[in-house]
N, C-alpha and C. Protein backbone atom coordinates (compact mmCIF):
# COMPACT_ATOMS: atom_id res chain seq x y z
N MET A 1 -2.05 -4.22 10.42
CA MET A 1 -1.09 -3.23 10.00
C MET A 1 -1.11 -3.11 8.48
N ILE A 2 -1.15 -1.92 7.97
CA ILE A 2 -1.24 -1.68 6.54
C ILE A 2 0.09 -1.91 5.85
N VAL A 3 1.18 -1.43 6.43
CA VAL A 3 2.49 -1.54 5.82
C VAL A 3 3.05 -2.92 6.10
N MET A 4 3.51 -3.62 5.04
CA MET A 4 4.04 -4.96 5.18
C MET A 4 5.43 -5.03 4.56
N HIS A 5 6.23 -5.97 5.01
CA HIS A 5 7.55 -6.19 4.45
C HIS A 5 7.41 -7.01 3.17
N ILE A 6 8.38 -6.87 2.28
CA ILE A 6 8.32 -7.53 0.98
C ILE A 6 8.32 -9.06 1.13
N LYS A 7 9.04 -9.58 2.12
CA LYS A 7 9.07 -11.04 2.28
C LYS A 7 7.70 -11.57 2.70
N ASP A 8 6.94 -10.78 3.43
CA ASP A 8 5.58 -11.19 3.81
C ASP A 8 4.65 -11.11 2.60
N LEU A 9 4.86 -10.11 1.75
CA LEU A 9 4.02 -9.96 0.57
C LEU A 9 4.26 -11.06 -0.45
N ARG A 10 5.50 -11.51 -0.56
CA ARG A 10 5.83 -12.55 -1.54
C ARG A 10 5.10 -13.86 -1.26
N SER A 11 4.77 -14.11 -0.02
CA SER A 11 4.11 -15.37 0.34
C SER A 11 2.61 -15.35 0.04
N LEU A 12 2.05 -14.19 -0.32
CA LEU A 12 0.62 -14.09 -0.58
C LEU A 12 0.27 -14.50 -2.01
N ALA A 13 -0.93 -15.01 -2.18
CA ALA A 13 -1.44 -15.36 -3.50
C ALA A 13 -1.82 -14.08 -4.25
N PRO A 14 -1.90 -14.14 -5.59
CA PRO A 14 -2.26 -12.93 -6.35
C PRO A 14 -3.59 -12.31 -5.94
N GLU A 15 -4.57 -13.12 -5.59
CA GLU A 15 -5.87 -12.58 -5.17
C GLU A 15 -5.73 -11.82 -3.84
N ALA A 16 -4.92 -12.37 -2.95
CA ALA A 16 -4.69 -11.71 -1.67
C ALA A 16 -3.91 -10.42 -1.86
N LEU A 17 -2.99 -10.41 -2.82
CA LEU A 17 -2.23 -9.19 -3.12
C LEU A 17 -3.15 -8.10 -3.66
N LYS A 18 -4.09 -8.49 -4.51
CA LYS A 18 -5.03 -7.50 -5.05
C LYS A 18 -5.92 -6.93 -3.94
N ALA A 19 -6.34 -7.78 -3.02
CA ALA A 19 -7.14 -7.31 -1.90
C ALA A 19 -6.33 -6.38 -1.00
N LYS A 20 -5.09 -6.73 -0.76
CA LYS A 20 -4.21 -5.89 0.06
C LYS A 20 -3.96 -4.55 -0.62
N LEU A 21 -3.80 -4.57 -1.95
CA LEU A 21 -3.60 -3.35 -2.72
C LEU A 21 -4.79 -2.42 -2.58
N ALA A 22 -5.99 -2.96 -2.68
CA ALA A 22 -7.19 -2.13 -2.52
C ALA A 22 -7.28 -1.55 -1.12
N GLU A 23 -6.92 -2.35 -0.13
CA GLU A 23 -6.97 -1.90 1.26
C GLU A 23 -5.97 -0.77 1.51
N VAL A 24 -4.75 -0.92 1.00
CA VAL A 24 -3.72 0.10 1.22
C VAL A 24 -4.08 1.38 0.48
N ARG A 25 -4.61 1.26 -0.73
CA ARG A 25 -5.02 2.45 -1.48
C ARG A 25 -6.14 3.20 -0.76
N PHE A 26 -7.07 2.47 -0.17
CA PHE A 26 -8.16 3.09 0.59
C PHE A 26 -7.61 3.84 1.79
N GLU A 27 -6.71 3.20 2.54
CA GLU A 27 -6.11 3.82 3.72
C GLU A 27 -5.27 5.03 3.34
N LEU A 28 -4.59 4.97 2.19
CA LEU A 28 -3.79 6.12 1.75
C LEU A 28 -4.69 7.31 1.45
N GLY A 29 -5.85 7.07 0.87
CA GLY A 29 -6.80 8.15 0.62
C GLY A 29 -7.27 8.80 1.91
N ILE A 30 -7.51 7.99 2.91
CA ILE A 30 -7.92 8.52 4.21
C ILE A 30 -6.80 9.36 4.81
N GLU A 31 -5.56 8.87 4.74
CA GLU A 31 -4.43 9.61 5.29
C GLU A 31 -4.22 10.94 4.56
N ARG A 32 -4.40 10.93 3.24
CA ARG A 32 -4.24 12.17 2.47
C ARG A 32 -5.28 13.20 2.88
N ARG A 33 -6.50 12.74 3.15
CA ARG A 33 -7.53 13.67 3.60
C ARG A 33 -7.21 14.21 4.99
N LYS A 34 -6.67 13.38 5.86
CA LYS A 34 -6.28 13.83 7.20
C LYS A 34 -5.18 14.88 7.12
N ILE A 35 -4.19 14.64 6.26
CA ILE A 35 -3.09 15.60 6.11
C ILE A 35 -3.62 16.92 5.56
N ALA A 36 -4.52 16.85 4.58
CA ALA A 36 -5.05 18.06 3.97
C ALA A 36 -5.89 18.86 4.96
N SER A 37 -6.62 18.18 5.82
CA SER A 37 -7.49 18.91 6.74
C SER A 37 -6.76 19.44 7.96
N THR A 38 -5.77 18.68 8.47
CA THR A 38 -5.08 19.11 9.67
C THR A 38 -3.73 19.75 9.39
N GLY A 39 -3.09 19.36 8.30
CA GLY A 39 -1.78 19.91 7.98
C GLY A 39 -0.66 19.39 8.85
N VAL A 40 -0.87 18.26 9.49
CA VAL A 40 0.13 17.68 10.37
C VAL A 40 1.21 17.00 9.54
N ALA A 41 2.45 17.40 9.72
CA ALA A 41 3.55 16.88 8.91
C ALA A 41 3.98 15.48 9.34
N SER A 42 3.71 15.06 10.56
CA SER A 42 4.17 13.76 11.02
C SER A 42 3.45 12.61 10.30
N LYS A 43 2.30 12.86 9.74
CA LYS A 43 1.55 11.83 9.04
C LYS A 43 2.14 11.52 7.67
N LYS A 44 3.00 12.40 7.13
CA LYS A 44 3.57 12.20 5.81
C LYS A 44 4.46 10.97 5.76
N ILE A 45 5.08 10.63 6.86
CA ILE A 45 5.93 9.44 6.90
C ILE A 45 5.09 8.20 6.69
N LYS A 46 3.92 8.15 7.31
CA LYS A 46 3.03 7.01 7.16
C LYS A 46 2.54 6.90 5.72
N SER A 47 2.22 8.03 5.09
CA SER A 47 1.75 7.98 3.72
C SER A 47 2.88 7.55 2.78
N ARG A 48 4.12 7.92 3.08
CA ARG A 48 5.25 7.50 2.25
C ARG A 48 5.42 5.98 2.34
N GLU A 49 5.26 5.42 3.52
CA GLU A 49 5.37 3.97 3.69
C GLU A 49 4.24 3.25 2.95
N MET A 50 3.05 3.85 2.95
CA MET A 50 1.93 3.24 2.23
C MET A 50 2.18 3.27 0.73
N LYS A 51 2.70 4.38 0.22
CA LYS A 51 3.00 4.46 -1.22
C LYS A 51 4.07 3.44 -1.60
N ARG A 52 5.03 3.23 -0.73
CA ARG A 52 6.07 2.23 -0.99
C ARG A 52 5.47 0.83 -1.01
N THR A 53 4.55 0.55 -0.11
CA THR A 53 3.89 -0.75 -0.07
C THR A 53 3.07 -0.98 -1.35
N ILE A 54 2.38 0.06 -1.83
CA ILE A 54 1.62 -0.04 -3.07
C ILE A 54 2.55 -0.38 -4.22
N ALA A 55 3.70 0.28 -4.30
CA ALA A 55 4.66 0.01 -5.36
C ALA A 55 5.19 -1.41 -5.28
N GLN A 56 5.45 -1.91 -4.09
CA GLN A 56 5.94 -3.27 -3.92
C GLN A 56 4.89 -4.28 -4.37
N ILE A 57 3.63 -4.05 -4.02
CA ILE A 57 2.57 -4.97 -4.42
C ILE A 57 2.41 -4.98 -5.93
N LEU A 58 2.44 -3.80 -6.55
CA LEU A 58 2.32 -3.73 -8.00
C LEU A 58 3.49 -4.44 -8.69
N THR A 59 4.68 -4.31 -8.13
CA THR A 59 5.85 -4.99 -8.69
C THR A 59 5.70 -6.49 -8.58
N LEU A 60 5.23 -6.97 -7.43
CA LEU A 60 5.04 -8.42 -7.26
C LEU A 60 3.98 -8.96 -8.21
N LEU A 61 2.89 -8.20 -8.40
CA LEU A 61 1.85 -8.64 -9.33
C LEU A 61 2.40 -8.71 -10.75
N LYS A 62 3.24 -7.77 -11.11
CA LYS A 62 3.85 -7.78 -12.45
C LYS A 62 4.80 -8.95 -12.60
N GLU A 63 5.58 -9.25 -11.56
CA GLU A 63 6.50 -10.39 -11.59
C GLU A 63 5.75 -11.70 -11.75
N LYS A 64 4.59 -11.79 -11.11
CA LYS A 64 3.80 -13.03 -11.18
C LYS A 64 2.97 -13.11 -12.46
N GLY A 65 2.99 -12.04 -13.26
CA GLY A 65 2.27 -12.05 -14.52
C GLY A 65 0.78 -11.82 -14.38
N VAL A 66 0.39 -11.19 -13.33
CA VAL A 66 -1.02 -10.91 -13.09
C VAL A 66 -1.30 -9.45 -13.40
N ALA A 67 -2.23 -9.20 -14.30
CA ALA A 67 -2.59 -7.81 -14.62
C ALA A 67 -3.44 -7.24 -13.50
N GLU A 68 -3.25 -5.96 -13.25
CA GLU A 68 -4.01 -5.31 -12.16
C GLU A 68 -5.43 -5.15 -12.50
């Protein structure tokens, strides 16, 4: 599952967070292409959750003092 809860993300090491960040960004790009090609509005909720997960990961990396 791409979307994770913040308590699950906090338990990950910085290297694992960076890997998860790359994975979520990749999946978000795929979802954006799907939305653009099909125009299906129901997929926007999934992309919003992915963007939120990206923001949470970036915040955790900043809290831990790790540059992206």
